[in-house]
């Protein structure tokens, strides 16, 4: 699995990579915290569909979790949490989620 980290610019825009000009992608997006059976089923289905369609399987992994970002913004006049803000409510680390996604056989994970 290839992992690409994407950082939004000051206006919040992300420069999305082109994975291929010739090959399609099957994509899912989420924070996938906890990587429970439902998360795994969704990601497994992406991998299956990608294989059927001869496409890339792609997971867009949100980090930090949207719940952390929104809670912080609500308490800090709409500001984003500073880099390194601990996510005490997260069930699994990003590394744990990446290992689980890789074990399913995904081609790309884009961390945003």
PDB file of N, CA and C in Angstrom:
ATOM      1  N   UNK A   1       0.847  -1.176   0.000  1.00  0.00           N
ATOM      2  CA  UNK A   1       0.000   0.000   0.000  1.00  0.00           C
ATOM      3  C   UNK A   1       0.889   1.234   0.000  1.00  0.00           C
ATOM      4  N   UNK A   2       0.526   2.194  -0.822  1.00  0.00           N
ATOM      5  CA  UNK A   2       1.219   3.475  -0.824  1.00  0.00           C
ATOM      6  C   UNK A   2       0.407   4.454   0.018  1.00  0.00           C
ATOM      7  N   UNK A   3       1.105   5.184   0.877  1.00  0.00           N
ATOM      8  CA  UNK A   3       0.453   6.168   1.733  1.00  0.00           C
ATOM      9  C   UNK A   3       0.942   7.547   1.342  1.00  0.00           C
ATOM     10  N   UNK A   4      -0.015   8.445   1.108  1.00  0.00           N
ATOM     11  CA  UNK A   4       0.289   9.826   0.724  1.00  0.00           C
ATOM     12  C   UNK A   4      -0.385  10.745   1.733  1.00  0.00           C
ATOM     13  N   UNK A   5       0.374  11.643   2.322  1.00  0.00           N
ATOM     14  CA  UNK A   5      -0.191  12.616   3.254  1.00  0.00           C
ATOM     15  C   UNK A   5      -0.432  13.924   2.519  1.00  0.00           C
ATOM     16  N   UNK A   6      -1.657  14.418   2.627  1.00  0.00           N
ATOM     17  CA  UNK A   6      -2.050  15.665   1.969  1.00  0.00           C
ATOM     18  C   UNK A   6      -2.393  16.692   3.040  1.00  0.00           C
ATOM     19  N   UNK A   7      -1.842  17.880   2.906  1.00  0.00           N
ATOM     20  CA  UNK A   7      -2.086  18.935   3.877  1.00  0.00           C
ATOM     21  C   UNK A   7      -2.826  20.083   3.206  1.00  0.00           C
ATOM     22  N   UNK A   8      -4.000  20.445   3.734  1.00  0.00           N
ATOM     23  CA  UNK A   8      -4.717  21.588   3.157  1.00  0.00           C
ATOM     24  C   UNK A   8      -3.892  22.869   3.274  1.00  0.00           C
ATOM     25  N   UNK A   9      -4.053  23.749   2.282  1.00  0.00           N
ATOM     26  CA  UNK A   9      -3.371  25.040   2.352  1.00  0.00           C
ATOM     27  C   UNK A   9      -4.133  25.968   3.304  1.00  0.00           C
ATOM     28  N   UNK A  10      -3.708  27.210   3.405  1.00  0.00           N
ATOM     29  CA  UNK A  10      -4.299  28.159   4.354  1.00  0.00           C
ATOM     30  C   UNK A  10      -5.794  28.364   4.121  1.00  0.00           C
ATOM     31  N   UNK A  11      -6.246  28.181   2.883  1.00  0.00           N
ATOM     32  CA  UNK A  11      -7.675  28.367   2.592  1.00  0.00           C
ATOM     33  C   UNK A  11      -8.462  27.065   2.741  1.00  0.00           C
ATOM     34  N   UNK A  12      -7.760  25.973   3.098  1.00  0.00           N
ATOM     35  CA  UNK A  12      -8.437  24.694   3.286  1.00  0.00           C
ATOM     36  C   UNK A  12      -8.464  23.815   2.049  1.00  0.00           C
ATOM     37  N   UNK A  13      -7.867  24.272   0.968  1.00  0.00           N
ATOM     38  CA  UNK A  13      -7.858  23.498  -0.271  1.00  0.00           C
ATOM     39  C   UNK A  13      -6.755  22.434  -0.220  1.00  0.00           C
ATOM     40  N   UNK A  14      -7.051  21.285  -0.825  1.00  0.00           N
ATOM     41  CA  UNK A  14      -6.098  20.179  -0.886  1.00  0.00           C
ATOM     42  C   UNK A  14      -5.717  19.951  -2.338  1.00  0.00           C
ATOM     43  N   UNK A  15      -4.427  19.824  -2.590  1.00  0.00           N
ATOM     44  CA  UNK A  15      -3.925  19.510  -3.925  1.00  0.00           C
ATOM     45  C   UNK A  15      -3.958  17.991  -4.095  1.00  0.00           C
ATOM     46  N   UNK A  16      -5.073  17.486  -4.645  1.00  0.00           N
ATOM     47  CA  UNK A  16      -5.269  16.046  -4.789  1.00  0.00           C
ATOM     48  C   UNK A  16      -4.352  15.491  -5.870  1.00  0.00           C
ATOM     49  N   UNK A  17      -3.703  14.380  -5.601  1.00  0.00           N
ATOM     50  CA  UNK A  17      -2.800  13.796  -6.595  1.00  0.00           C
ATOM     51  C   UNK A  17      -3.582  13.069  -7.691  1.00  0.00           C
ATOM     52  N   UNK A  18      -3.001  13.014  -8.860  1.00  0.00           N
ATOM     53  CA  UNK A  18      -3.531  12.187  -9.927  1.00  0.00           C
ATOM     54  C   UNK A  18      -2.814  10.847  -9.825  1.00  0.00           C
ATOM     55  N   UNK A  19      -3.555   9.802  -9.501  1.00  0.00           N
ATOM     56  CA  UNK A  19      -2.940   8.490  -9.343  1.00  0.00           C
ATOM     57  C   UNK A  19      -2.627   7.862 -10.694  1.00  0.00           C
ATOM     58  N   UNK A  20      -3.457   8.174 -11.691  1.00  0.00           N
ATOM     59  CA  UNK A  20      -3.239   7.646 -13.033  1.00  0.00           C
ATOM     60  C   UNK A  20      -4.130   8.406 -13.999  1.00  0.00           C
ATOM     61  N   UNK A  21      -3.643   8.594 -15.210  1.00  0.00           N
ATOM     62  CA  UNK A  21      -4.472   9.194 -16.249  1.00  0.00           C
ATOM     63  C   UNK A  21      -5.288   8.135 -16.983  1.00  0.00           C
ATOM     64  N   UNK A  22      -4.960   6.868 -16.757  1.00  0.00           N
ATOM     65  CA  UNK A  22      -5.585   5.787 -17.507  1.00  0.00           C
ATOM     66  C   UNK A  22      -6.424   4.835 -16.653  1.00  0.00           C
ATOM     67  N   UNK A  23      -6.160   4.795 -15.378  1.00  0.00           N
ATOM     68  CA  UNK A  23      -6.800   3.810 -14.522  1.00  0.00           C
ATOM     69  C   UNK A  23      -7.741   4.505 -13.541  1.00  0.00           C
ATOM     70  N   UNK A  24      -8.954   3.975 -13.390  1.00  0.00           N
ATOM     71  CA  UNK A  24      -9.937   4.535 -12.469  1.00  0.00           C
ATOM     72  C   UNK A  24      -9.596   4.144 -11.034  1.00  0.00           C
ATOM     73  N   UNK A  25     -10.335   4.732 -10.098  1.00  0.00           N
ATOM     74  CA  UNK A  25     -10.172   4.415  -8.679  1.00  0.00           C
ATOM     75  C   UNK A  25     -11.533   4.169  -8.047  1.00  0.00           C
ATOM     76  N   UNK A  26     -11.561   3.278  -7.079  1.00  0.00           N
ATOM     77  CA  UNK A  26     -12.724   3.078  -6.222  1.00  0.00           C
ATOM     78  C   UNK A  26     -12.309   3.625  -4.860  1.00  0.00           C
ATOM     79  N   UNK A  27     -13.106   4.568  -4.319  1.00  0.00           N
ATOM     80  CA  UNK A  27     -12.662   5.356  -3.171  1.00  0.00           C
ATOM     81  C   UNK A  27     -13.690   5.315  -2.041  1.00  0.00           C
ATOM     82  N   UNK A  28     -13.199   5.275  -0.820  1.00  0.00           N
ATOM     83  CA  UNK A  28     -14.022   5.507   0.354  1.00  0.00           C
ATOM     84  C   UNK A  28     -13.311   6.551   1.214  1.00  0.00           C
ATOM     85  N   UNK A  29     -14.100   7.248   2.035  1.00  0.00           N
ATOM     86  CA  UNK A  29     -13.536   8.305   2.872  1.00  0.00           C
ATOM     87  C   UNK A  29     -14.076   8.177   4.287  1.00  0.00           C
ATOM     88  N   UNK A  30     -13.211   8.420   5.264  1.00  0.00           N
ATOM     89  CA  UNK A  30     -13.640   8.403   6.653  1.00  0.00           C
ATOM     90  C   UNK A  30     -12.462   8.467   7.587  1.00  0.00           C
ATOM     91  N   UNK A  31     -12.766   8.519   8.886  1.00  0.00           N
ATOM     92  CA  UNK A  31     -11.690   8.477   9.875  1.00  0.00           C
ATOM     93  C   UNK A  31     -11.405   7.032  10.278  1.00  0.00           C
ATOM     94  N   UNK A  32     -12.370   6.152  10.142  1.00  0.00           N
ATOM     95  CA  UNK A  32     -12.208   4.718  10.407  1.00  0.00           C
ATOM     96  C   UNK A  32     -11.599   4.434  11.770  1.00  0.00           C
ATOM     97  N   UNK A  33     -11.985   5.247  12.752  1.00  0.00           N
ATOM     98  CA  UNK A  33     -11.476   5.060  14.101  1.00  0.00           C
ATOM     99  C   UNK A  33     -12.090   3.796  14.697  1.00  0.00           C
ATOM    100  N   UNK A  34     -11.252   2.966  15.267  1.00  0.00           N
ATOM    101  CA  UNK A  34     -11.705   1.716  15.857  1.00  0.00           C
ATOM    102  C   UNK A  34     -11.619   0.544  14.903  1.00  0.00           C
ATOM    103  N   UNK A  35     -11.659   0.807  13.610  1.00  0.00           N
ATOM    104  CA  UNK A  35     -11.594  -0.230  12.566  1.00  0.00           C
ATOM    105  C   UNK A  35     -12.431  -1.459  12.927  1.00  0.00           C
ATOM    106  N   UNK A  36     -13.710  -1.204  13.248  1.00  0.00           N
ATOM    107  CA  UNK A  36     -14.614  -2.302  13.582  1.00  0.00           C
ATOM    108  C   UNK A  36     -15.020  -3.061  12.311  1.00  0.00           C
ATOM    109  N   UNK A  37     -15.828  -4.084  12.465  1.00  0.00           N
ATOM    110  CA  UNK A  37     -16.195  -4.944  11.342  1.00  0.00           C
ATOM    111  C   UNK A  37     -16.885  -4.176  10.219  1.00  0.00           C
ATOM    112  N   UNK A  38     -17.665  -3.159  10.561  1.00  0.00           N
ATOM    113  CA  UNK A  38     -18.323  -2.346   9.533  1.00  0.00           C
ATOM    114  C   UNK A  38     -17.314  -1.575   8.695  1.00  0.00           C
ATOM    115  N   UNK A  39     -16.346  -0.961   9.363  1.00  0.00           N
ATOM    116  CA  UNK A  39     -15.281  -0.257   8.634  1.00  0.00           C
ATOM    117  C   UNK A  39     -14.543  -1.226   7.717  1.00  0.00           C
ATOM    118  N   UNK A  40     -14.183  -2.369   8.266  1.00  0.00           N
ATOM    119  CA  UNK A  40     -13.443  -3.357   7.492  1.00  0.00           C
ATOM    120  C   UNK A  40     -14.250  -3.841   6.293  1.00  0.00           C
ATOM    121  N   UNK A  41     -15.558  -4.018   6.475  1.00  0.00           N
ATOM    122  CA  UNK A  41     -16.415  -4.474   5.371  1.00  0.00           C
ATOM    123  C   UNK A  41     -16.467  -3.436   4.247  1.00  0.00           C
ATOM    124  N   UNK A  42     -16.567  -2.167   4.609  1.00  0.00           N
ATOM    125  CA  UNK A  42     -16.594  -1.106   3.600  1.00  0.00           C
ATOM    126  C   UNK A  42     -15.280  -1.085   2.818  1.00  0.00           C
ATOM    127  N   UNK A  43     -14.176  -1.133   3.531  1.00  0.00           N
ATOM    128  CA  UNK A  43     -12.864  -1.080   2.881  1.00  0.00           C
ATOM    129  C   UNK A  43     -12.623  -2.345   2.046  1.00  0.00           C
ATOM    130  N   UNK A  44     -13.035  -3.484   2.568  1.00  0.00           N
ATOM    131  CA  UNK A  44     -12.903  -4.739   1.813  1.00  0.00           C
ATOM    132  C   UNK A  44     -13.716  -4.652   0.514  1.00  0.00           C
ATOM    133  N   UNK A  45     -14.904  -4.060   0.582  1.00  0.00           N
ATOM    134  CA  UNK A  45     -15.746  -3.921  -0.620  1.00  0.00           C
ATOM    135  C   UNK A  45     -15.086  -3.000  -1.642  1.00  0.00           C
ATOM    136  N   UNK A  46     -14.448  -1.943  -1.188  1.00  0.00           N
ATOM    137  CA  UNK A  46     -13.706  -1.057  -2.094  1.00  0.00           C
ATOM    138  C   UNK A  46     -12.623  -1.853  -2.810  1.00  0.00           C
ATOM    139  N   UNK A  47     -11.877  -2.669  -2.056  1.00  0.00           N
ATOM    140  CA  UNK A  47     -10.808  -3.472  -2.653  1.00  0.00           C
ATOM    141  C   UNK A  47     -11.375  -4.475  -3.658  1.00  0.00           C
ATOM    142  N   UNK A  48     -12.506  -5.094  -3.328  1.00  0.00           N
ATOM    143  CA  UNK A  48     -13.132  -6.066  -4.233  1.00  0.00           C
ATOM    144  C   UNK A  48     -13.596  -5.400  -5.520  1.00  0.00           C
ATOM    145  N   UNK A  49     -14.302  -4.268  -5.392  1.00  0.00           N
ATOM    146  CA  UNK A  49     -14.789  -3.555  -6.581  1.00  0.00           C
ATOM    147  C   UNK A  49     -13.636  -3.069  -7.444  1.00  0.00           C
ATOM    148  N   UNK A  50     -12.577  -2.588  -6.799  1.00  0.00           N
ATOM    149  CA  UNK A  50     -11.417  -2.121  -7.556  1.00  0.00           C
ATOM    150  C   UNK A  50     -10.798  -3.270  -8.347  1.00  0.00           C
ATOM    151  N   UNK A  51     -10.707  -4.422  -7.719  1.00  0.00           N
ATOM    152  CA  UNK A  51     -10.145  -5.577  -8.420  1.00  0.00           C
ATOM    153  C   UNK A  51     -11.030  -5.971  -9.612  1.00  0.00           C
ATOM    154  N   UNK A  52     -12.340  -5.982  -9.410  1.00  0.00           N
ATOM    155  CA  UNK A  52     -13.276  -6.320 -10.490  1.00  0.00           C
ATOM    156  C   UNK A  52     -13.163  -5.349 -11.657  1.00  0.00           C
ATOM    157  N   UNK A  53     -12.974  -4.088 -11.345  1.00  0.00           N
ATOM    158  CA  UNK A  53     -12.933  -3.026 -12.364  1.00  0.00           C
ATOM    159  C   UNK A  53     -11.519  -2.734 -12.857  1.00  0.00           C
ATOM    160  N   UNK A  54     -10.543  -3.478 -12.360  1.00  0.00           N
ATOM    161  CA  UNK A  54      -9.134  -3.236 -12.677  1.00  0.00           C
ATOM    162  C   UNK A  54      -8.773  -1.766 -12.390  1.00  0.00           C
ATOM    163  N   UNK A  55      -9.203  -1.328 -11.208  1.00  0.00           N
ATOM    164  CA  UNK A  55      -9.000   0.049 -10.758  1.00  0.00           C
ATOM    165  C   UNK A  55      -8.143   0.040  -9.491  1.00  0.00           C
ATOM    166  N   UNK A  56      -7.725   1.222  -9.059  1.00  0.00           N
ATOM    167  CA  UNK A  56      -7.036   1.355  -7.784  1.00  0.00           C
ATOM    168  C   UNK A  56      -8.062   1.352  -6.656  1.00  0.00           C
ATOM    169  N   UNK A  57      -7.717   0.727  -5.543  1.00  0.00           N
ATOM    170  CA  UNK A  57      -8.518   0.855  -4.324  1.00  0.00           C
ATOM    171  C   UNK A  57      -7.888   1.957  -3.490  1.00  0.00           C
ATOM    172  N   UNK A  58      -8.722   2.894  -3.033  1.00  0.00           N
ATOM    173  CA  UNK A  58      -8.215   4.082  -2.345  1.00  0.00           C
ATOM    174  C   UNK A  58      -9.047   4.356  -1.094  1.00  0.00           C
ATOM    175  N   UNK A  59      -8.347   4.580   0.012  1.00  0.00           N
ATOM    176  CA  UNK A  59      -8.991   5.033   1.247  1.00  0.00           C
ATOM    177  C   UNK A  59      -8.494   6.446   1.518  1.00  0.00           C
ATOM    178  N   UNK A  60      -9.419   7.376   1.697  1.00  0.00           N
ATOM    179  CA  UNK A  60      -9.086   8.726   2.147  1.00  0.00           C
ATOM    180  C   UNK A  60      -9.324   8.720   3.658  1.00  0.00           C
ATOM    181  N   UNK A  61      -8.247   8.821   4.406  1.00  0.00           N
ATOM    182  CA  UNK A  61      -8.286   8.729   5.864  1.00  0.00           C
ATOM    183  C   UNK A  61      -8.181  10.129   6.460  1.00  0.00           C
ATOM    184  N   UNK A  62      -9.185  10.507   7.210  1.00  0.00           N
ATOM    185  CA  UNK A  62      -9.214  11.845   7.809  1.00  0.00           C
ATOM    186  C   UNK A  62      -8.458  11.836   9.144  1.00  0.00           C
ATOM    187  N   UNK A  63      -7.443  12.687   9.237  1.00  0.00           N
ATOM    188  CA  UNK A  63      -6.660  12.822  10.459  1.00  0.00           C
ATOM    189  C   UNK A  63      -6.223  14.273  10.595  1.00  0.00           C
ATOM    190  N   UNK A  64      -6.640  14.964  11.635  1.00  0.00           N
ATOM    191  CA  UNK A  64      -7.339  14.437  12.793  1.00  0.00           C
ATOM    192  C   UNK A  64      -8.799  14.098  12.474  1.00  0.00           C
ATOM    193  N   UNK A  65      -9.395  13.343  13.386  1.00  0.00           N
ATOM    194  CA  UNK A  65     -10.800  12.975  13.213  1.00  0.00           C
ATOM    195  C   UNK A  65     -11.659  14.239  13.176  1.00  0.00           C
ATOM    196  N   UNK A  66     -12.681  14.252  12.312  1.00  0.00           N
ATOM    197  CA  UNK A  66     -13.572  15.427  12.242  1.00  0.00           C
ATOM    198  C   UNK A  66     -14.188  15.797  13.595  1.00  0.00           C
ATOM    199  N   UNK A  67     -14.491  14.806  14.434  1.00  0.00           N
ATOM    200  CA  UNK A  67     -15.069  15.110  15.749  1.00  0.00           C
ATOM    201  C   UNK A  67     -14.129  15.982  16.579  1.00  0.00           C
ATOM    202  N   UNK A  68     -12.836  15.709  16.513  1.00  0.00           N
ATOM    203  CA  UNK A  68     -11.858  16.522  17.241  1.00  0.00           C
ATOM    204  C   UNK A  68     -11.813  17.935  16.665  1.00  0.00           C
ATOM    205  N   UNK A  69     -11.783  18.035  15.357  1.00  0.00           N
ATOM    206  CA  UNK A  69     -11.697  19.343  14.696  1.00  0.00           C
ATOM    207  C   UNK A  69     -12.922  20.196  15.035  1.00  0.00           C
ATOM    208  N   UNK A  70     -14.100  19.602  14.941  1.00  0.00           N
ATOM    209  CA  UNK A  70     -15.327  20.363  15.204  1.00  0.00           C
ATOM    210  C   UNK A  70     -15.464  20.744  16.675  1.00  0.00           C
ATOM    211  N   UNK A  71     -15.097  19.828  17.570  1.00  0.00           N
ATOM    212  CA  UNK A  71     -15.170  20.141  19.003  1.00  0.00           C
ATOM    213  C   UNK A  71     -14.200  21.261  19.354  1.00  0.00           C
ATOM    214  N   UNK A  72     -13.006  21.204  18.809  1.00  0.00           N
ATOM    215  CA  UNK A  72     -12.015  22.247  19.075  1.00  0.00           C
ATOM    216  C   UNK A  72     -12.510  23.594  18.540  1.00  0.00           C
ATOM    217  N   UNK A  73     -13.021  23.584  17.314  1.00  0.00           N
ATOM    218  CA  UNK A  73     -13.511  24.824  16.700  1.00  0.00           C
ATOM    219  C   UNK A  73     -14.650  25.427  17.512  1.00  0.00           C
ATOM    220  N   UNK A  74     -15.520  24.585  18.041  1.00  0.00           N
ATOM    221  CA  UNK A  74     -16.648  25.084  18.835  1.00  0.00           C
ATOM    222  C   UNK A  74     -16.188  25.783  20.105  1.00  0.00           C
ATOM    223  N   UNK A  75     -15.072  25.342  20.652  1.00  0.00           N
ATOM    224  CA  UNK A  75     -14.557  25.923  21.893  1.00  0.00           C
ATOM    225  C   UNK A  75     -13.553  27.048  21.659  1.00  0.00           C
ATOM    226  N   UNK A  76     -13.084  27.210  20.407  1.00  0.00           N
ATOM    227  CA  UNK A  76     -12.024  28.174  20.131  1.00  0.00           C
ATOM    228  C   UNK A  76     -12.365  29.081  18.952  1.00  0.00           C
ATOM    229  N   UNK A  77     -13.587  29.577  18.933  1.00  0.00           N
ATOM    230  CA  UNK A  77     -14.016  30.579  17.955  1.00  0.00           C
ATOM    231  C   UNK A  77     -13.719  30.168  16.504  1.00  0.00           C
ATOM    232  N   UNK A  78     -13.971  28.888  16.194  1.00  0.00           N
ATOM    233  CA  UNK A  78     -13.842  28.429  14.822  1.00  0.00           C
ATOM    234  C   UNK A  78     -12.439  28.061  14.382  1.00  0.00           C
ATOM    235  N   UNK A  79     -11.484  28.136  15.283  1.00  0.00           N
ATOM    236  CA  UNK A  79     -10.101  27.828  14.922  1.00  0.00           C
ATOM    237  C   UNK A  79      -9.884  26.320  14.781  1.00  0.00           C
ATOM    238  N   UNK A  80      -8.885  25.962  13.980  1.00  0.00           N
ATOM    239  CA  UNK A  80      -8.498  24.557  13.859  1.00  0.00           C
ATOM    240  C   UNK A  80      -7.554  24.200  14.999  1.00  0.00           C
ATOM    241  N   UNK A  81      -7.561  22.922  15.397  1.00  0.00           N
ATOM    242  CA  UNK A  81      -6.624  22.529  16.460  1.00  0.00           C
ATOM    243  C   UNK A  81      -5.183  22.617  15.964  1.00  0.00           C
ATOM    244  N   UNK A  82      -4.278  23.067  16.806  1.00  0.00           N
ATOM    245  CA  UNK A  82      -2.864  23.109  16.419  1.00  0.00           C
ATOM    246  C   UNK A  82      -2.342  21.698  16.137  1.00  0.00           C
ATOM    247  N   UNK A  83      -1.363  21.604  15.285  1.00  0.00           N
ATOM    248  CA  UNK A  83      -0.732  20.309  14.995  1.00  0.00           C
ATOM    249  C   UNK A  83      -0.260  19.686  16.305  1.00  0.00           C
ATOM    250  N   UNK A  84      -0.482  18.398  16.427  1.00  0.00           N
ATOM    251  CA  UNK A  84      -0.046  17.693  17.625  1.00  0.00           C
ATOM    252  C   UNK A  84      -1.043  17.717  18.764  1.00  0.00           C
ATOM    253  N   UNK A  85      -2.206  18.339  18.546  1.00  0.00           N
ATOM    254  CA  UNK A  85      -3.223  18.339  19.591  1.00  0.00           C
ATOM    255  C   UNK A  85      -3.629  16.901  19.871  1.00  0.00           C
ATOM    256  N   UNK A  86      -3.526  16.453  21.120  1.00  0.00           N
ATOM    257  CA  UNK A  86      -3.852  15.054  21.412  1.00  0.00           C
ATOM    258  C   UNK A  86      -5.347  14.775  21.217  1.00  0.00           C
ATOM    259  N   UNK A  87      -5.645  13.630  20.637  1.00  0.00           N
ATOM    260  CA  UNK A  87      -7.029  13.199  20.422  1.00  0.00           C
ATOM    261  C   UNK A  87      -7.343  12.135  21.463  1.00  0.00           C
ATOM    262  N   UNK A  88      -7.778  12.580  22.617  1.00  0.00           N
ATOM    263  CA  UNK A  88      -7.996  11.671  23.738  1.00  0.00           C
ATOM    264  C   UNK A  88      -9.217  10.776  23.538  1.00  0.00           C
ATOM    265  N   UNK A  89     -10.049  11.082  22.557  1.00  0.00           N
ATOM    266  CA  UNK A  89     -11.240  10.281  22.306  1.00  0.00           C
ATOM    267  C   UNK A  89     -11.026   9.225  21.219  1.00  0.00           C
ATOM    268  N   UNK A  90      -9.898   9.258  20.529  1.00  0.00           N
ATOM    269  CA  UNK A  90      -9.626   8.291  19.460  1.00  0.00           C
ATOM    270  C   UNK A  90      -9.478   6.890  20.042  1.00  0.00           C
ATOM    271  N   UNK A  91     -10.033   5.919  19.335  1.00  0.00           N
ATOM    272  CA  UNK A  91      -9.933   4.527  19.762  1.00  0.00           C
ATOM    273  C   UNK A  91      -8.659   3.862  19.256  1.00  0.00           C
ATOM    274  N   UNK A  92      -8.219   4.288  18.067  1.00  0.00           N
ATOM    275  CA  UNK A  92      -7.015   3.704  17.477  1.00  0.00           C
ATOM    276  C   UNK A  92      -6.149   4.810  16.890  1.00  0.00           C
ATOM    277  N   UNK A  93      -4.857   4.584  16.883  1.00  0.00           N
ATOM    278  CA  UNK A  93      -3.934   5.551  16.295  1.00  0.00           C
ATOM    279  C   UNK A  93      -4.003   5.461  14.769  1.00  0.00           C
ATOM    280  N   UNK A  94      -3.472   6.463  14.110  1.00  0.00           N
ATOM    281  CA  UNK A  94      -3.406   6.444  12.646  1.00  0.00           C
ATOM    282  C   UNK A  94      -2.576   5.246  12.189  1.00  0.00           C
ATOM    283  N   UNK A  95      -1.484   4.964  12.875  1.00  0.00           N
ATOM    284  CA  UNK A  95      -0.651   3.820  12.496  1.00  0.00           C
ATOM    285  C   UNK A  95      -1.424   2.503  12.580  1.00  0.00           C
ATOM    286  N   UNK A  96      -2.237   2.350  13.615  1.00  0.00           N
ATOM    287  CA  UNK A  96      -3.054   1.134  13.736  1.00  0.00           C
ATOM    288  C   UNK A  96      -4.064   1.044  12.598  1.00  0.00           C
ATOM    289  N   UNK A  97      -4.674   2.166  12.250  1.00  0.00           N
ATOM    290  CA  UNK A  97      -5.644   2.175  11.139  1.00  0.00           C
ATOM    291  C   UNK A  97      -4.951   1.845   9.822  1.00  0.00           C
ATOM    292  N   UNK A  98      -3.758   2.405   9.624  1.00  0.00           N
ATOM    293  CA  UNK A  98      -3.021   2.127   8.384  1.00  0.00           C
ATOM    294  C   UNK A  98      -2.654   0.651   8.273  1.00  0.00           C
ATOM    295  N   UNK A  99      -2.251   0.046   9.381  1.00  0.00           N
ATOM    296  CA  UNK A  99      -1.913  -1.379   9.357  1.00  0.00           C
ATOM    297  C   UNK A  99      -3.142  -2.214   8.980  1.00  0.00           C
ATOM    298  N   UNK A 100      -4.295  -1.866   9.531  1.00  0.00           N
ATOM    299  CA  UNK A 100      -5.527  -2.611   9.231  1.00  0.00           C
ATOM    300  C   UNK A 100      -5.934  -2.422   7.769  1.00  0.00           C
ATOM    301  N   UNK A 101      -5.802  -1.205   7.256  1.00  0.00           N
ATOM    302  CA  UNK A 101      -6.136  -0.928   5.853  1.00  0.00           C
ATOM    303  C   UNK A 101      -5.185  -1.684   4.932  1.00  0.00           C
ATOM    304  N   UNK A 102      -3.921  -1.674   5.269  1.00  0.00           N
ATOM    305  CA  UNK A 102      -2.923  -2.395   4.473  1.00  0.00           C
ATOM    306  C   UNK A 102      -3.212  -3.893   4.455  1.00  0.00           C
ATOM    307  N   UNK A 103      -3.624  -4.449   5.598  1.00  0.00           N
ATOM    308  CA  UNK A 103      -3.918  -5.877   5.682  1.00  0.00           C
ATOM    309  C   UNK A 103      -5.069  -6.278   4.769  1.00  0.00           C
ATOM    310  N   UNK A 104      -5.971  -5.347   4.488  1.00  0.00           N
ATOM    311  CA  UNK A 104      -7.094  -5.625   3.585  1.00  0.00           C
ATOM    312  C   UNK A 104      -6.635  -5.653   2.131  1.00  0.00           C
ATOM    313  N   UNK A 105      -5.521  -4.973   1.839  1.00  0.00           N
ATOM    314  CA  UNK A 105      -4.994  -5.018   0.486  1.00  0.00           C
ATOM    315  C   UNK A 105      -5.301  -3.800  -0.352  1.00  0.00           C
ATOM    316  N   UNK A 106      -5.469  -2.651   0.279  1.00  0.00           N
ATOM    317  CA  UNK A 106      -5.754  -1.399  -0.429  1.00  0.00           C
ATOM    318  C   UNK A 106      -4.497  -0.915  -1.139  1.00  0.00           C
ATOM    319  N   UNK A 107      -4.695  -0.297  -2.323  1.00  0.00           N
ATOM    320  CA  UNK A 107      -3.553   0.210  -3.104  1.00  0.00           C
ATOM    321  C   UNK A 107      -2.997   1.511  -2.551  1.00  0.00           C
ATOM    322  N   UNK A 108      -3.887   2.454  -2.218  1.00  0.00           N
ATOM    323  CA  UNK A 108      -3.461   3.788  -1.759  1.00  0.00           C
ATOM    324  C   UNK A 108      -4.281   4.200  -0.547  1.00  0.00           C
ATOM    325  N   UNK A 109      -3.616   4.836   0.397  1.00  0.00           N
ATOM    326  CA  UNK A 109      -4.297   5.552   1.462  1.00  0.00           C
ATOM    327  C   UNK A 109      -3.805   6.995   1.412  1.00  0.00           C
ATOM    328  N   UNK A 110      -4.763   7.911   1.322  1.00  0.00           N
ATOM    329  CA  UNK A 110      -4.464   9.332   1.319  1.00  0.00           C
ATOM    330  C   UNK A 110      -4.860   9.876   2.676  1.00  0.00           C
ATOM    331  N   UNK A 111      -3.909  10.343   3.446  1.00  0.00           N
ATOM    332  CA  UNK A 111      -4.209  10.912   4.760  1.00  0.00           C
ATOM    333  C   UNK A 111      -4.389  12.405   4.596  1.00  0.00           C
ATOM    334  N   UNK A 112      -5.560  12.896   4.974  1.00  0.00           N
ATOM    335  CA  UNK A 112      -5.863  14.323   4.868  1.00  0.00           C
ATOM    336  C   UNK A 112      -6.055  14.873   6.259  1.00  0.00           C
TER     337      UNK A 112
END
